[in-house]
C-alpha atoms as a PDB file:
ATOM      1  CA  GLY A   1     -15.653 -27.100  32.293  1.00  0.00           C
ATOM      2  CA  GLY A   2     -18.511 -29.249  32.818  1.00  0.00           C
ATOM      3  CA  GLY A   3     -18.597 -33.433  33.310  1.00  0.00           C
ATOM      4  CA  ASP A   4     -21.116 -35.769  33.189  1.00  0.00           C
ATOM      5  CA  GLY A   5     -20.009 -38.743  35.384  1.00  0.00           C
ATOM      6  CA  ASP A   6     -17.439 -40.686  36.426  1.00  0.00           C
ATOM      7  CA  TYR A   7     -13.765 -39.803  35.739  1.00  0.00           C
ATOM      8  CA  VAL A   8     -12.635 -42.420  33.663  1.00  0.00           C
ATOM      9  CA  ALA A   9     -15.683 -42.751  31.157  1.00  0.00           C
ATOM     10  CA  TRP A  10     -15.588 -38.961  30.667  1.00  0.00           C
ATOM     11  CA  ALA A  11     -11.716 -38.873  29.955  1.00  0.00           C
ATOM     12  CA  ALA A  12     -12.279 -41.636  27.496  1.00  0.00           C
ATOM     13  CA  LYS A  13     -14.910 -39.762  25.740  1.00  0.00           C
ATOM     14  CA  ALA A  14     -12.625 -36.640  25.614  1.00  0.00           C
ATOM     15  CA  MET A  15      -9.636 -38.607  24.231  1.00  0.00           C
ATOM     16  CA  ALA A  16     -11.784 -40.506  21.686  1.00  0.00           C
ATOM     17  CA  ARG A  17     -12.303 -36.787  20.176  1.00  0.00           C
ATOM     18  CA  TRP A  18      -8.784 -36.351  19.735  1.00  0.00           C
ATOM     19  CA  SER A  19      -8.631 -37.503  16.347  1.00  0.00           C
ATOM     20  CA  ASP A  20     -11.257 -35.798  14.993  1.00  0.00           C
ATOM     21  CA  PHE A  21      -9.770 -32.432  16.403  1.00  0.00           C
ATOM     22  CA  GLU A  22      -6.708 -33.118  14.401  1.00  0.00           C
ATOM     23  CA  ALA A  23      -8.865 -33.659  11.338  1.00  0.00           C
ATOM     24  CA  THR A  24     -11.105 -30.609  11.727  1.00  0.00           C
ATOM     25  CA  TYR A  25      -8.344 -28.440  13.077  1.00  0.00           C
ATOM     26  CA  GLY A  26      -5.068 -29.592  11.933  1.00  0.00           C
ATOM     27  CA  THR A  27      -2.127 -29.985  14.663  1.00  0.00           C
ATOM     28  CA  PHE A  28      -4.089 -30.855  17.729  1.00  0.00           C
ATOM     29  CA  TYR A  29      -2.703 -30.562  21.433  1.00  0.00           C
ATOM     30  CA  PRO A  30      -3.940 -32.888  23.820  1.00  0.00           C
ATOM     31  CA  HIS A  31      -5.448 -31.923  27.152  1.00  0.00           C
ATOM     32  CA  VAL A  32      -5.862 -33.664  30.440  1.00  0.00           C
ATOM     33  CA  SER A  33      -7.993 -32.593  33.227  1.00  0.00           C
ATOM     34  CA  ILE A  34      -7.529 -33.630  37.021  1.00  0.00           C
ATOM     35  CA  GLY A  35     -11.395 -33.020  37.170  1.00  0.00           C
ATOM     36  CA  TRP A  36     -14.258 -30.559  37.249  1.00  0.00           C
ATOM     37  CA  ASP A  37     -16.527 -29.892  40.210  1.00  0.00           C
ATOM     38  CA  ASN A  38     -17.755 -26.611  40.005  1.00  0.00           C
ATOM     39  CA  THR A  39     -21.198 -26.722  42.163  1.00  0.00           C
ATOM     40  CA  HIS A  40     -18.979 -24.773  44.646  1.00  0.00           C
ATOM     41  CA  ARG A  41     -19.343 -21.398  42.554  1.00  0.00           C
ATOM     42  CA  ASN A  42     -22.660 -22.500  40.769  1.00  0.00           C
ATOM     43  CA  PRO A  43     -24.828 -24.702  42.993  1.00  0.00           C
ATOM     44  CA  SER A  44     -27.541 -24.769  40.192  1.00  0.00           C
ATOM     45  CA  PHE A  45     -25.567 -26.850  38.186  1.00  0.00           C
ATOM     46  CA  GLY A  46     -26.016 -29.978  40.507  1.00  0.00           C
ATOM     47  CA  ALA A  47     -24.273 -33.311  40.028  1.00  0.00           C
ATOM     48  CA  ASP A  48     -24.981 -33.586  36.363  1.00  0.00           C
ATOM     49  CA  HIS A  49     -22.463 -31.235  35.952  1.00  0.00           C
ATOM     50  CA  VAL A  50     -19.740 -32.761  38.168  1.00  0.00           C
ATOM     51  CA  VAL A  51     -16.286 -35.547  37.069  1.00  0.00           C
ATOM     52  CA  ALA A  52     -16.411 -37.617  40.052  1.00  0.00           C
ATOM     53  CA  ASN A  53     -14.034 -40.226  41.029  1.00  0.00           C
ATOM     54  CA  ALA A  54     -10.847 -38.851  39.704  1.00  0.00           C
ATOM     55  CA  THR A  55      -7.880 -40.426  41.223  1.00  0.00           C
ATOM     56  CA  PRO A  56      -3.885 -39.464  40.717  1.00  0.00           C
ATOM     57  CA  GLY A  57      -3.786 -43.230  39.225  1.00  0.00           C
ATOM     58  CA  ALA A  58      -6.522 -42.479  36.658  1.00  0.00           C
ATOM     59  CA  PHE A  59      -4.919 -39.101  35.951  1.00  0.00           C
ATOM     60  CA  GLU A  60      -1.523 -41.013  35.403  1.00  0.00           C
ATOM     61  CA  ALA A  61      -3.117 -43.236  32.892  1.00  0.00           C
ATOM     62  CA  CYS A  62      -4.971 -40.241  31.142  1.00  0.00           C
ATOM     63  CA  LEU A  63      -1.318 -38.982  30.943  1.00  0.00           C
ATOM     64  CA  TRP A  64       0.376 -41.838  29.502  1.00  0.00           C
ATOM     65  CA  LYS A  65      -2.322 -41.680  26.410  1.00  0.00           C
ATOM     66  CA  ALA A  66      -1.520 -38.255  25.806  1.00  0.00           C
ATOM     67  CA  LYS A  67       2.082 -38.994  25.768  1.00  0.00           C
ATOM     68  CA  ALA A  68       1.415 -41.990  23.599  1.00  0.00           C
ATOM     69  CA  TRP A  69      -0.357 -39.509  21.014  1.00  0.00           C
ATOM     70  CA  LEU A  70       2.015 -37.008  21.227  1.00  0.00           C
ATOM     71  CA  ASP A  71       5.263 -39.587  20.627  1.00  0.00           C
ATOM     72  CA  SER A  72       3.409 -41.062  17.740  1.00  0.00           C
ATOM     73  CA  ARG A  73       3.280 -37.087  15.910  1.00  0.00           C
ATOM     74  CA  PRO A  74       7.231 -36.435  16.182  1.00  0.00           C
ATOM     75  CA  GLN A  75       6.528 -33.768  13.359  1.00  0.00           C
ATOM     76  CA  GLN A  76       4.863 -31.460  15.855  1.00  0.00           C
ATOM     77  CA  PRO A  77       6.131 -30.019  19.346  1.00  0.00           C
ATOM     78  CA  PRO A  78       5.314 -32.380  22.194  1.00  0.00           C
ATOM     79  CA  LEU A  79       2.776 -29.892  23.804  1.00  0.00           C
ATOM     80  CA  LEU A  80       0.446 -30.782  26.501  1.00  0.00           C
ATOM     81  CA  THR A  81      -1.966 -28.925  28.515  1.00  0.00           C
ATOM     82  CA  ILE A  82      -2.963 -29.915  31.763  1.00  0.00           C
ATOM     83  CA  ASN A  83      -6.112 -28.506  33.935  1.00  0.00           C
ATOM     84  CA  SER A  84      -5.146 -26.959  36.362  1.00  0.00           C
ATOM     85  CA  TRP A  85      -2.599 -25.995  38.819  1.00  0.00           C
ATOM     86  CA  ASN A  86      -4.679 -24.517  41.201  1.00  0.00           C
ATOM     87  CA  GLU A  87      -8.477 -24.281  40.479  1.00  0.00           C
ATOM     88  CA  TRP A  88      -9.528 -25.292  43.953  1.00  0.00           C
ATOM     89  CA  THR A  89     -13.101 -24.034  43.716  1.00  0.00           C
ATOM     90  CA  GLU A  90     -13.617 -26.529  40.483  1.00  0.00           C
ATOM     91  CA  GLY A  91     -12.066 -29.254  41.934  1.00  0.00           C
ATOM     92  CA  SER A  92      -9.065 -29.485  39.514  1.00  0.00           C
ATOM     93  CA  TYR A  93      -5.651 -28.773  40.684  1.00  0.00           C
ATOM     94  CA  LEU A  94      -2.301 -30.243  40.848  1.00  0.00           C
ATOM     95  CA  LEU A  95      -1.245 -28.454  44.028  1.00  0.00           C
ATOM     96  CA  PRO A  96      -0.566 -30.669  46.986  1.00  0.00           C
ATOM     97  CA  ASP A  97      -3.765 -31.278  49.584  1.00  0.00           C
ATOM     98  CA  MET A  98      -4.203 -33.343  52.376  1.00  0.00           C
ATOM     99  CA  ARG A  99      -5.909 -36.099  50.622  1.00  0.00           C
ATOM    100  CA  TRP A 100      -3.652 -37.102  47.859  1.00  0.00           C
ATOM    101  CA  GLY A 101      -0.613 -35.155  49.005  1.00  0.00           C
ATOM    102  CA  TYR A 102       1.754 -35.007  46.048  1.00  0.00           C
ATOM    103  CA  ARG A 103       0.478 -37.873  44.340  1.00  0.00           C
ATOM    104  CA  TYR A 104      -0.924 -35.757  40.957  1.00  0.00           C
ATOM    105  CA  LEU A 105       2.547 -34.028  40.518  1.00  0.00           C
ATOM    106  CA  GLN A 106       4.106 -37.703  40.651  1.00  0.00           C
ATOM    107  CA  ALA A 107       2.099 -38.967  38.057  1.00  0.00           C
ATOM    108  CA  VAL A 108       3.008 -35.870  35.756  1.00  0.00           C
ATOM    109  CA  ARG A 109       7.019 -36.758  36.807  1.00  0.00           C
ATOM    110  CA  ASN A 110       6.306 -40.420  36.476  1.00  0.00           C
ATOM    111  CA  VAL A 111       5.084 -39.644  32.503  1.00  0.00           C
ATOM    112  CA  PHE A 112       7.527 -36.886  31.587  1.00  0.00           C
ATOM    113  CA  GLY A 113      10.031 -36.878  34.020  1.00  0.00           C
ATOM    114  CA  ARG A 114      13.609 -37.437  32.670  1.00  0.00           C
ATOM    115  CA  GLN A 115      14.349 -41.139  32.355  1.00  0.00           C
END
């Protein structure tokens, strides 16, 4: 967990490390997060540990980059992890809500749904 600001900048920094992880550990499976805000559980963390400005569109853009990563490595299983289904108190969940409706789930379908 943890964050350090804007979702798009945070995600770009994380994705830039994928090649380093692959070089260090061998096979690497990308991870895409929906965001992060654990201040509900740990108020002492403060705003400097929050990933803000996450949107379904920004999340979908990250999923497309993860798919491109996987597609460029046909020798490995196309496995991706997503944080998270229901981490409501950490501001990281795919479940539909009143703000975004089904848009996060639709982003997953847009990228990985059957064509």
